[in-house]
C-alpha atoms as a PDB file:
ATOM      1  CA  MET A   1      83.938 113.854  89.041  1.00  0.00           C
ATOM      2  CA  LYS A   2      82.460 113.880  85.567  1.00  0.00           C
ATOM      3  CA  ILE A   3      79.825 111.374  84.694  1.00  0.00           C
ATOM      4  CA  ILE A   4      79.909 110.623  80.832  1.00  0.00           C
ATOM      5  CA  LYS A   5      77.234 108.458  79.067  1.00  0.00           C
ATOM      6  CA  SER A   6      77.798 109.239  75.628  1.00  0.00           C
ATOM      7  CA  LEU A   7      80.598 108.294  73.000  1.00  0.00           C
ATOM      8  CA  SER A   8      80.693 111.844  71.764  1.00  0.00           C
ATOM      9  CA  GLU A   9      81.467 113.304  75.317  1.00  0.00           C
ATOM     10  CA  MET A  10      84.166 110.754  75.871  1.00  0.00           C
ATOM     11  CA  HIS A  11      85.604 111.897  72.495  1.00  0.00           C
ATOM     12  CA  GLN A  12      85.531 115.591  73.472  1.00  0.00           C
ATOM     13  CA  LEU A  13      87.064 114.811  76.907  1.00  0.00           C
ATOM     14  CA  ARG A  14      89.801 112.693  75.318  1.00  0.00           C
ATOM     15  CA  LYS A  15      90.622 115.572  72.867  1.00  0.00           C
ATOM     16  CA  GLN A  16      90.925 117.940  76.160  1.00  0.00           C
ATOM     17  CA  TYR A  17      93.418 115.867  78.220  1.00  0.00           C
ATOM     18  CA  THR A  18      95.540 114.539  75.192  1.00  0.00           C
ATOM     19  CA  SER A  19      96.014 117.950  74.073  1.00  0.00           C
ATOM     20  CA  SER A  20      97.399 118.994  77.551  1.00  0.00           C
ATOM     21  CA  GLN A  21      99.553 115.805  77.579  1.00  0.00           C
ATOM     22  CA  GLN A  22      98.234 114.338  81.043  1.00  0.00           C
ATOM     23  CA  SER A  23      98.860 110.842  81.846  1.00  0.00           C
ATOM     24  CA  ILE A  24      95.569 108.815  82.113  1.00  0.00           C
ATOM     25  CA  GLY A  25      94.831 105.877  84.181  1.00  0.00           C
ATOM     26  CA  PHE A  26      92.160 103.671  83.176  1.00  0.00           C
ATOM     27  CA  VAL A  27      90.321 100.935  85.066  1.00  0.00           C
ATOM     28  CA  PRO A  28      87.826  99.084  82.942  1.00  0.00           C
ATOM     29  CA  THR A  29      85.008  97.437  85.017  1.00  0.00           C
ATOM     30  CA  MET A  30      81.603  95.991  84.840  1.00  0.00           C
ATOM     31  CA  GLY A  31      80.306  97.778  87.701  1.00  0.00           C
ATOM     32  CA  TYR A  32      79.108  96.667  91.193  1.00  0.00           C
ATOM     33  CA  LEU A  33      82.366  97.982  92.537  1.00  0.00           C
ATOM     34  CA  HIS A  34      84.055  96.344  95.544  1.00  0.00           C
ATOM     35  CA  GLU A  35      87.035  96.778  97.557  1.00  0.00           C
ATOM     36  CA  GLY A  36      89.258  95.100  94.706  1.00  0.00           C
ATOM     37  CA  HIS A  37      88.146  97.901  92.206  1.00  0.00           C
ATOM     38  CA  VAL A  38      88.921 100.458  94.678  1.00  0.00           C
ATOM     39  CA  GLN A  39      92.386  99.122  95.079  1.00  0.00           C
ATOM     40  CA  LEU A  40      92.866  99.515  91.200  1.00  0.00           C
ATOM     41  CA  MET A  41      91.455 103.226  91.222  1.00  0.00           C
ATOM     42  CA  LYS A  42      93.523 104.068  94.063  1.00  0.00           C
ATOM     43  CA  GLN A  43      96.854 102.785  92.280  1.00  0.00           C
ATOM     44  CA  ALA A  44      95.722 104.631  89.097  1.00  0.00           C
ATOM     45  CA  LYS A  45      95.255 107.731  91.176  1.00  0.00           C
ATOM     46  CA  GLN A  46      98.646 107.468  92.603  1.00  0.00           C
ATOM     47  CA  GLU A  47     100.551 106.934  89.194  1.00  0.00           C
ATOM     48  CA  ASN A  48      98.406 109.343  86.832  1.00  0.00           C
ATOM     49  CA  ASP A  49      97.201 112.876  86.543  1.00  0.00           C
ATOM     50  CA  LEU A  50      93.707 111.618  85.642  1.00  0.00           C
ATOM     51  CA  VAL A  51      91.811 108.432  86.331  1.00  0.00           C
ATOM     52  CA  VAL A  52      88.873 107.195  84.218  1.00  0.00           C
ATOM     53  CA  VAL A  53      86.765 104.278  85.289  1.00  0.00           C
ATOM     54  CA  SER A  54      84.545 102.423  82.889  1.00  0.00           C
ATOM     55  CA  ILE A  55      81.308 100.864  84.021  1.00  0.00           C
ATOM     56  CA  PHE A  56      79.929  98.705  81.421  1.00  0.00           C
ATOM     57  CA  VAL A  57      78.319  95.042  81.565  1.00  0.00           C
ATOM     58  CA  ASN A  58      79.635  93.933  78.414  1.00  0.00           C
ATOM     59  CA  PRO A  59      76.902  91.434  76.651  1.00  0.00           C
ATOM     60  CA  LEU A  60      79.653  90.007  74.328  1.00  0.00           C
ATOM     61  CA  GLN A  61      81.477  88.281  77.137  1.00  0.00           C
ATOM     62  CA  PHE A  62      78.422  86.453  78.343  1.00  0.00           C
ATOM     63  CA  GLY A  63      77.615  83.018  76.798  1.00  0.00           C
ATOM     64  CA  PRO A  64      74.135  81.542  76.769  1.00  0.00           C
ATOM     65  CA  ASN A  65      72.765  80.649  80.109  1.00  0.00           C
ATOM     66  CA  GLU A  66      75.229  82.876  81.751  1.00  0.00           C
ATOM     67  CA  ASP A  67      74.419  85.631  84.205  1.00  0.00           C
ATOM     68  CA  PHE A  68      74.239  88.745  82.178  1.00  0.00           C
ATOM     69  CA  GLU A  69      70.791  89.802  83.126  1.00  0.00           C
ATOM     70  CA  ARG A  70      71.345  88.898  86.623  1.00  0.00           C
ATOM     71  CA  TYR A  71      74.834  90.462  86.961  1.00  0.00           C
ATOM     72  CA  PRO A  72      74.430  92.916  89.930  1.00  0.00           C
ATOM     73  CA  ARG A  73      74.221  96.600  88.832  1.00  0.00           C
ATOM     74  CA  ASP A  74      74.019  99.546  91.039  1.00  0.00           C
ATOM     75  CA  GLU A  75      74.704 102.792  89.080  1.00  0.00           C
ATOM     76  CA  GLN A  76      74.512 105.208  92.095  1.00  0.00           C
ATOM     77  CA  ARG A  77      76.557 102.921  94.132  1.00  0.00           C
ATOM     78  CA  ASP A  78      79.207 102.710  91.712  1.00  0.00           C
ATOM     79  CA  ILE A  79      79.270 106.653  91.260  1.00  0.00           C
ATOM     80  CA  GLN A  80      79.503 107.133  95.074  1.00  0.00           C
ATOM     81  CA  CYS A  81      82.476 104.333  95.306  1.00  0.00           C
ATOM     82  CA  ALA A  82      84.143 105.865  92.128  1.00  0.00           C
ATOM     83  CA  LYS A  83      84.047 109.487  93.752  1.00  0.00           C
ATOM     84  CA  ALA A  84      85.282 108.384  97.211  1.00  0.00           C
ATOM     85  CA  ALA A  85      88.144 106.745  95.499  1.00  0.00           C
ATOM     86  CA  GLY A  86      89.478 109.897  93.556  1.00  0.00           C
ATOM     87  CA  VAL A  87      88.113 109.074  90.204  1.00  0.00           C
ATOM     88  CA  ASP A  88      87.917 111.992  87.840  1.00  0.00           C
ATOM     89  CA  VAL A  89      85.727 110.344  85.215  1.00  0.00           C
ATOM     90  CA  ALA A  90      83.140 107.942  85.400  1.00  0.00           C
ATOM     91  CA  PHE A  91      82.355 106.571  81.971  1.00  0.00           C
ATOM     92  CA  PHE A  92      78.881 104.680  81.503  1.00  0.00           C
ATOM     93  CA  PRO A  93      78.923 103.588  77.817  1.00  0.00           C
ATOM     94  CA  GLN A  94      75.410 102.331  76.554  1.00  0.00           C
ATOM     95  CA  VAL A  95      74.918  99.085  74.950  1.00  0.00           C
ATOM     96  CA  GLU A  96      73.100 100.706  71.844  1.00  0.00           C
ATOM     97  CA  GLU A  97      76.326 102.959  71.102  1.00  0.00           C
ATOM     98  CA  MET A  98      78.954 100.403  71.791  1.00  0.00           C
ATOM     99  CA  TYR A  99      77.259  97.837  69.661  1.00  0.00           C
ATOM    100  CA  GLN A 100      75.200  99.273  66.951  1.00  0.00           C
ATOM    101  CA  GLU A 101      72.675  97.026  65.185  1.00  0.00           C
ATOM    102  CA  GLU A 102      75.001  96.355  62.470  1.00  0.00           C
ATOM    103  CA  HIS A 103      78.477  96.105  63.913  1.00  0.00           C
ATOM    104  CA  SER A 104      80.628  94.055  61.715  1.00  0.00           C
ATOM    105  CA  VAL A 105      83.744  93.371  63.647  1.00  0.00           C
ATOM    106  CA  ILE A 106      84.200  90.931  66.658  1.00  0.00           C
ATOM    107  CA  MET A 107      87.919  90.252  67.558  1.00  0.00           C
ATOM    108  CA  GLN A 108      89.151  86.609  67.952  1.00  0.00           C
ATOM    109  CA  VAL A 109      91.661  85.484  70.430  1.00  0.00           C
ATOM    110  CA  GLN A 110      93.809  82.501  69.175  1.00  0.00           C
ATOM    111  CA  ARG A 111      95.966  81.889  72.080  1.00  0.00           C
ATOM    112  CA  ARG A 112      95.725  81.827  76.098  1.00  0.00           C
ATOM    113  CA  VAL A 113      92.081  81.116  75.711  1.00  0.00           C
ATOM    114  CA  GLN A 114      91.907  77.262  75.389  1.00  0.00           C
ATOM    115  CA  VAL A 115      92.332  76.566  78.889  1.00  0.00           C
ATOM    116  CA  LEU A 116      90.861  77.538  82.496  1.00  0.00           C
ATOM    117  CA  CYS A 117      87.817  79.849  82.058  1.00  0.00           C
ATOM    118  CA  GLY A 118      88.290  80.110  78.476  1.00  0.00           C
ATOM    119  CA  ALA A 119      87.697  76.135  77.876  1.00  0.00           C
ATOM    120  CA  LYS A 120      84.009  76.453  78.695  1.00  0.00           C
ATOM    121  CA  ARG A 121      83.206  79.833  77.861  1.00  0.00           C
ATOM    122  CA  GLU A 122      83.612  79.928  74.155  1.00  0.00           C
ATOM    123  CA  GLY A 123      83.826  83.357  72.763  1.00  0.00           C
ATOM    124  CA  HIS A 124      84.045  84.999  76.156  1.00  0.00           C
ATOM    125  CA  PHE A 125      87.582  86.528  75.729  1.00  0.00           C
ATOM    126  CA  ASP A 126      86.710  87.428  71.981  1.00  0.00           C
ATOM    127  CA  GLY A 127      84.029  89.916  73.815  1.00  0.00           C
ATOM    128  CA  VAL A 128      86.739  90.850  76.384  1.00  0.00           C
ATOM    129  CA  VAL A 129      89.225  91.900  73.878  1.00  0.00           C
ATOM    130  CA  THR A 130      86.549  93.512  71.473  1.00  0.00           C
ATOM    131  CA  VAL A 131      85.224  95.794  74.159  1.00  0.00           C
ATOM    132  CA  LEU A 132      88.624  96.620  75.366  1.00  0.00           C
ATOM    133  CA  THR A 133      89.801  97.597  72.012  1.00  0.00           C
ATOM    134  CA  LYS A 134      86.843  99.836  71.758  1.00  0.00           C
ATOM    135  CA  LEU A 135      87.460 101.357  75.160  1.00  0.00           C
ATOM    136  CA  PHE A 136      91.063 101.845  74.478  1.00  0.00           C
ATOM    137  CA  HIS A 137      90.260 103.996  71.549  1.00  0.00           C
ATOM    138  CA  LEU A 138      87.834 105.915  73.263  1.00  0.00           C
ATOM    139  CA  VAL A 139      89.816 106.833  76.530  1.00  0.00           C
ATOM    140  CA  ALA A 140      93.367 106.643  75.163  1.00  0.00           C
ATOM    141  CA  PRO A 141      94.714 105.738  78.301  1.00  0.00           C
ATOM    142  CA  THR A 142      98.548 105.931  79.420  1.00  0.00           C
ATOM    143  CA  ARG A 143      98.001 102.930  81.946  1.00  0.00           C
ATOM    144  CA  VAL A 144      95.270 100.393  82.151  1.00  0.00           C
ATOM    145  CA  TYR A 145      94.782  98.601  85.692  1.00  0.00           C
ATOM    146  CA  PHE A 146      93.305  95.009  85.948  1.00  0.00           C
ATOM    147  CA  GLY A 147      93.486  92.697  89.389  1.00  0.00           C
ATOM    148  CA  MET A 148      95.209  89.531  89.242  1.00  0.00           C
ATOM    149  CA  LYS A 149      92.210  87.730  90.404  1.00  0.00           C
ATOM    150  CA  ASP A 150      91.197  87.561  86.669  1.00  0.00           C
ATOM    151  CA  ALA A 151      94.851  86.376  85.796  1.00  0.00           C
ATOM    152  CA  GLN A 152      93.759  84.703  82.532  1.00  0.00           C
ATOM    153  CA  GLN A 153      92.208  87.909  81.450  1.00  0.00           C
ATOM    154  CA  VAL A 154      95.428  89.948  82.630  1.00  0.00           C
ATOM    155  CA  ALA A 155      97.277  87.348  80.146  1.00  0.00           C
ATOM    156  CA  VAL A 156      95.049  87.981  77.331  1.00  0.00           C
ATOM    157  CA  VAL A 157      95.168  91.925  77.773  1.00  0.00           C
ATOM    158  CA  ASP A 158      98.963  91.390  77.751  1.00  0.00           C
ATOM    159  CA  ALA A 159      98.864  89.669  74.324  1.00  0.00           C
ATOM    160  CA  LEU A 160      96.254  92.213  73.100  1.00  0.00           C
ATOM    161  CA  LEU A 161      98.580  95.267  74.078  1.00  0.00           C
ATOM    162  CA  THR A 162     101.732  93.746  72.511  1.00  0.00           C
ATOM    163  CA  ASP A 163     100.160  92.072  69.293  1.00  0.00           C
ATOM    164  CA  TYR A 164      98.180  95.497  68.502  1.00  0.00           C
ATOM    165  CA  HIS A 165     100.838  98.095  69.561  1.00  0.00           C
ATOM    166  CA  PHE A 166      98.733  99.736  71.774  1.00  0.00           C
ATOM    167  CA  PRO A 167     100.919 102.645  73.616  1.00  0.00           C
ATOM    168  CA  ILE A 168      99.562 101.565  76.785  1.00  0.00           C
ATOM    169  CA  SER A 169     101.377 100.191  79.866  1.00  0.00           C
ATOM    170  CA  LEU A 170      99.358  97.328  81.560  1.00  0.00           C
ATOM    171  CA  CYS A 171      99.410  97.319  85.416  1.00  0.00           C
ATOM    172  CA  ALA A 172      98.278  94.260  87.232  1.00  0.00           C
ATOM    173  CA  VAL A 173      97.512  94.720  90.769  1.00  0.00           C
ATOM    174  CA  PRO A 174      97.617  91.963  93.646  1.00  0.00           C
ATOM    175  CA  THR A 175      94.015  90.385  94.401  1.00  0.00           C
ATOM    176  CA  VAL A 176      92.348  91.928  97.043  1.00  0.00           C
ATOM    177  CA  ARG A 177      90.808  89.561  99.847  1.00  0.00           C
ATOM    178  CA  GLU A 178      88.366  89.366 102.739  1.00  0.00           C
ATOM    179  CA  GLU A 179      90.160  88.778 106.056  1.00  0.00           C
ATOM    180  CA  ASP A 180      89.558  85.069 105.688  1.00  0.00           C
ATOM    181  CA  GLY A 181      91.347  84.966 102.415  1.00  0.00           C
ATOM    182  CA  LEU A 182      88.262  84.879  99.979  1.00  0.00           C
ATOM    183  CA  ALA A 183      89.130  86.956  96.797  1.00  0.00           C
ATOM    184  CA  LYS A 184      86.804  89.991  96.615  1.00  0.00           C
ATOM    185  CA  SER A 185      84.168  89.450  93.755  1.00  0.00           C
ATOM    186  CA  SER A 186      81.039  90.996  92.806  1.00  0.00           C
ATOM    187  CA  ARG A 187      79.563  87.502  92.491  1.00  0.00           C
ATOM    188  CA  ASN A 188      79.972  86.842  96.285  1.00  0.00           C
ATOM    189  CA  VAL A 189      76.911  88.291  97.079  1.00  0.00           C
ATOM    190  CA  TYR A 190      75.451  85.099  95.488  1.00  0.00           C
ATOM    191  CA  LEU A 191      76.844  82.987  98.279  1.00  0.00           C
ATOM    192  CA  SER A 192      74.589  81.445 100.644  1.00  0.00           C
ATOM    193  CA  GLN A 193      75.626  81.637 104.372  1.00  0.00           C
ATOM    194  CA  GLU A 194      77.033  77.828 104.340  1.00  0.00           C
ATOM    195  CA  GLU A 195      78.781  78.676 100.861  1.00  0.00           C
ATOM    196  CA  ARG A 196      80.268  81.724 102.454  1.00  0.00           C
ATOM    197  CA  ALA A 197      81.641  79.933 105.191  1.00  0.00           C
ATOM    198  CA  GLU A 198      83.136  77.224 102.943  1.00  0.00           C
ATOM    199  CA  ALA A 199      84.486  79.719 100.132  1.00  0.00           C
ATOM    200  CA  PRO A 200      87.886  80.769 101.812  1.00  0.00           C
ATOM    201  CA  SER A 201      88.909  76.891 101.419  1.00  0.00           C
ATOM    202  CA  ILE A 202      89.433  77.746  97.778  1.00  0.00           C
ATOM    203  CA  TYR A 203      92.483  80.148  98.784  1.00  0.00           C
ATOM    204  CA  GLN A 204      93.690  77.885 101.412  1.00  0.00           C
ATOM    205  CA  ALA A 205      93.877  75.018  98.579  1.00  0.00           C
ATOM    206  CA  LEU A 206      96.098  77.154  96.395  1.00  0.00           C
ATOM    207  CA  GLN A 207      98.313  78.177  99.376  1.00  0.00           C
ATOM    208  CA  HIS A 208      98.522  74.402 100.118  1.00  0.00           C
ATOM    209  CA  GLY A 209      99.754  73.682  96.558  1.00  0.00           C
ATOM    210  CA  GLN A 210     102.181  76.740  96.906  1.00  0.00           C
ATOM    211  CA  GLN A 211     103.672  75.183 100.048  1.00  0.00           C
ATOM    212  CA  LEU A 212     104.233  72.045  98.242  1.00  0.00           C
ATOM    213  CA  ILE A 213     106.149  73.656  95.622  1.00  0.00           C
ATOM    214  CA  GLN A 214     108.366  75.614  98.110  1.00  0.00           C
ATOM    215  CA  SER A 215     108.989  72.262  99.797  1.00  0.00           C
ATOM    216  CA  GLY A 216     110.475  70.912  96.724  1.00  0.00           C
ATOM    217  CA  ASN A 217     107.685  69.071  94.776  1.00  0.00           C
ATOM    218  CA  LYS A 218     107.946  70.199  91.144  1.00  0.00           C
ATOM    219  CA  HIS A 219     105.336  67.439  89.760  1.00  0.00           C
ATOM    220  CA  VAL A 220     102.416  69.365  88.416  1.00  0.00           C
ATOM    221  CA  LYS A 221     100.054  66.215  88.458  1.00  0.00           C
ATOM    222  CA  GLN A 222     100.829  65.542  92.099  1.00  0.00           C
ATOM    223  CA  ILE A 223     100.091  69.134  93.085  1.00  0.00           C
ATOM    224  CA  VAL A 224      96.903  69.371  90.937  1.00  0.00           C
ATOM    225  CA  GLU A 225      95.800  66.366  92.750  1.00  0.00           C
ATOM    226  CA  GLU A 226      96.524  67.598  96.173  1.00  0.00           C
ATOM    227  CA  VAL A 227      94.792  70.839  95.585  1.00  0.00           C
ATOM    228  CA  THR A 228      91.935  69.093  94.255  1.00  0.00           C
ATOM    229  CA  ARG A 229      91.575  66.821  97.251  1.00  0.00           C
ATOM    230  CA  PHE A 230      91.890  69.868  99.705  1.00  0.00           C
ATOM    231  CA  ILE A 231      88.941  71.746  97.951  1.00  0.00           C
ATOM    232  CA  LYS A 232      86.922  68.503  97.918  1.00  0.00           C
ATOM    233  CA  GLY A 233      87.443  67.925 101.664  1.00  0.00           C
ATOM    234  CA  HIS A 234      86.583  71.469 102.654  1.00  0.00           C
ATOM    235  CA  THR A 235      83.569  72.607 100.255  1.00  0.00           C
ATOM    236  CA  ARG A 236      80.458  71.111  98.835  1.00  0.00           C
ATOM    237  CA  GLY A 237      81.075  73.131  95.726  1.00  0.00           C
ATOM    238  CA  LYS A 238      81.497  71.628  92.330  1.00  0.00           C
ATOM    239  CA  ILE A 239      85.061  71.739  90.975  1.00  0.00           C
ATOM    240  CA  ASP A 240      85.263  73.341  87.403  1.00  0.00           C
ATOM    241  CA  TYR A 241      89.006  73.112  86.999  1.00  0.00           C
ATOM    242  CA  VAL A 242      92.110  72.902  88.938  1.00  0.00           C
ATOM    243  CA  ASP A 243      95.107  73.544  86.655  1.00  0.00           C
ATOM    244  CA  ILE A 244      98.852  74.610  86.769  1.00  0.00           C
ATOM    245  CA  LEU A 245     100.159  76.373  83.655  1.00  0.00           C
ATOM    246  CA  SER A 246     103.104  78.313  82.650  1.00  0.00           C
ATOM    247  CA  TYR A 247     102.347  82.236  82.923  1.00  0.00           C
ATOM    248  CA  PRO A 248     101.382  84.225  81.205  1.00  0.00           C
ATOM    249  CA  GLN A 249     101.838  81.891  78.200  1.00  0.00           C
ATOM    250  CA  LEU A 250      99.032  79.596  79.942  1.00  0.00           C
ATOM    251  CA  GLU A 251     100.575  76.429  78.303  1.00  0.00           C
ATOM    252  CA  THR A 252     100.642  72.811  79.714  1.00  0.00           C
ATOM    253  CA  ILE A 253     103.595  71.683  81.637  1.00  0.00           C
ATOM    254  CA  ASP A 254     104.627  68.597  83.466  1.00  0.00           C
ATOM    255  CA  THR A 255     107.354  69.949  85.771  1.00  0.00           C
ATOM    256  CA  ILE A 256     107.394  73.467  87.582  1.00  0.00           C
ATOM    257  CA  ASP A 257     110.673  74.927  86.166  1.00  0.00           C
ATOM    258  CA  ARG A 258     109.535  78.463  85.353  1.00  0.00           C
ATOM    259  CA  LYS A 259     106.959  80.946  86.420  1.00  0.00           C
ATOM    260  CA  ILE A 260     103.535  79.306  86.652  1.00  0.00           C
ATOM    261  CA  ILE A 261      99.902  79.859  87.839  1.00  0.00           C
ATOM    262  CA  ILE A 262      97.907  77.544  89.979  1.00  0.00           C
ATOM    263  CA  ALA A 263      94.122  78.349  89.079  1.00  0.00           C
ATOM    264  CA  VAL A 264      90.904  77.082  90.359  1.00  0.00           C
ATOM    265  CA  ALA A 265      87.296  77.622  89.694  1.00  0.00           C
ATOM    266  CA  VAL A 266      84.401  76.280  91.741  1.00  0.00           C
ATOM    267  CA  GLN A 267      80.958  76.361  91.016  1.00  0.00           C
ATOM    268  CA  PHE A 268      78.426  76.921  94.114  1.00  0.00           C
ATOM    269  CA  GLN A 269      74.827  76.894  93.727  1.00  0.00           C
ATOM    270  CA  GLN A 270      74.338  80.525  92.367  1.00  0.00           C
ATOM    271  CA  ALA A 271      77.951  81.660  91.964  1.00  0.00           C
ATOM    272  CA  ARG A 272      81.001  80.521  90.234  1.00  0.00           C
ATOM    273  CA  LEU A 273      84.075  81.579  92.113  1.00  0.00           C
ATOM    274  CA  ILE A 274      87.784  81.811  90.697  1.00  0.00           C
ATOM    275  CA  ASP A 275      91.064  82.261  92.204  1.00  0.00           C
ATOM    276  CA  ASN A 276      94.735  81.864  91.602  1.00  0.00           C
ATOM    277  CA  VAL A 277      98.207  82.350  92.699  1.00  0.00           C
ATOM    278  CA  VAL A 278     101.152  83.315  90.260  1.00  0.00           C
ATOM    279  CA  ILE A 279     104.358  82.065  91.416  1.00  0.00           C
ATOM    280  CA  ASN A 280     107.967  81.302  90.253  1.00  0.00           C
ATOM    281  CA  GLU A 281     109.477  77.704  90.309  1.00  0.00           C
ATOM    282  CA  HIS A 282     110.484  78.203  93.849  1.00  0.00           C
ATOM    283  CA  GLY A 283     106.963  78.950  94.997  1.00  0.00           C
ATOM    284  CA  ILE A 284     107.457  82.475  95.613  1.00  0.00           C
ATOM    285  CA  THR A 285     104.488  84.727  95.029  1.00  0.00           C
ATOM    286  CA  MET A 286     104.646  87.230  91.953  1.00  0.00           C
ATOM    287  CA  THR A 287     102.278  89.760  93.203  1.00  0.00           C
ATOM    288  CA  ASP A 288     101.622  91.410  89.678  1.00  0.00           C
ATOM    289  CA  GLY A 289     102.225  88.091  87.778  1.00  0.00           C
ATOM    290  CA  ARG A 290     105.636  89.237  86.569  1.00  0.00           C
END
């Protein structure tokens, strides 16, 4: 596995593999890799000639008082994890090169960001699409891989690829979970023992909402109330949001008559956890959001 830390090295490598017409699977991450990332890398390995993983804690997508400085980092652990997953190139771009002191352009997302995580994280998705645009130009992938745990991010990336005519296929991979249902996340390490015991109730609440839809309930307000009640009854975490929206448009609806997302965010003492299910109007899971 090659380890690259400069943009010039990445440019040179890109020239090599594009000239040989090899397909490139790209997994952009912020590091502290876990089993969810491993599944992305393994799927990329199955579907491409080469796999590139980027590890970059992007300062543009953290707001004031968020956990940029505290976000877990472990370069050697990430290298070993990527190597074990069969990655060909581990790309560690440096902040100083990615964002030079006088950089002039930050992209702005107009839709799909006024709800869910985007509602309270102003500028977050602007930072996401800005760094992804840079990385897409640097890596020139054939396919890019994201986990459905961050379903709003998948929806925004879908819009980015479409609006800017990137010749890149978006591959959305089902959320990887612990045995008790908790979605794998780099932030799970922040949970106390008691919080970790309660956290699986988030996914259980989503399943409860899904079962209501399967039983014929199509009323968004009622299902949101039921999911909210379930979480409040099973965890001391503070609910940030519970919402049901069309997917991937992420627009408000009153009745479930199309593909939707049930999405939840819960704030524990040191960790904010998100989770979701994307389902059709009959309550059937759409594993890749499509």
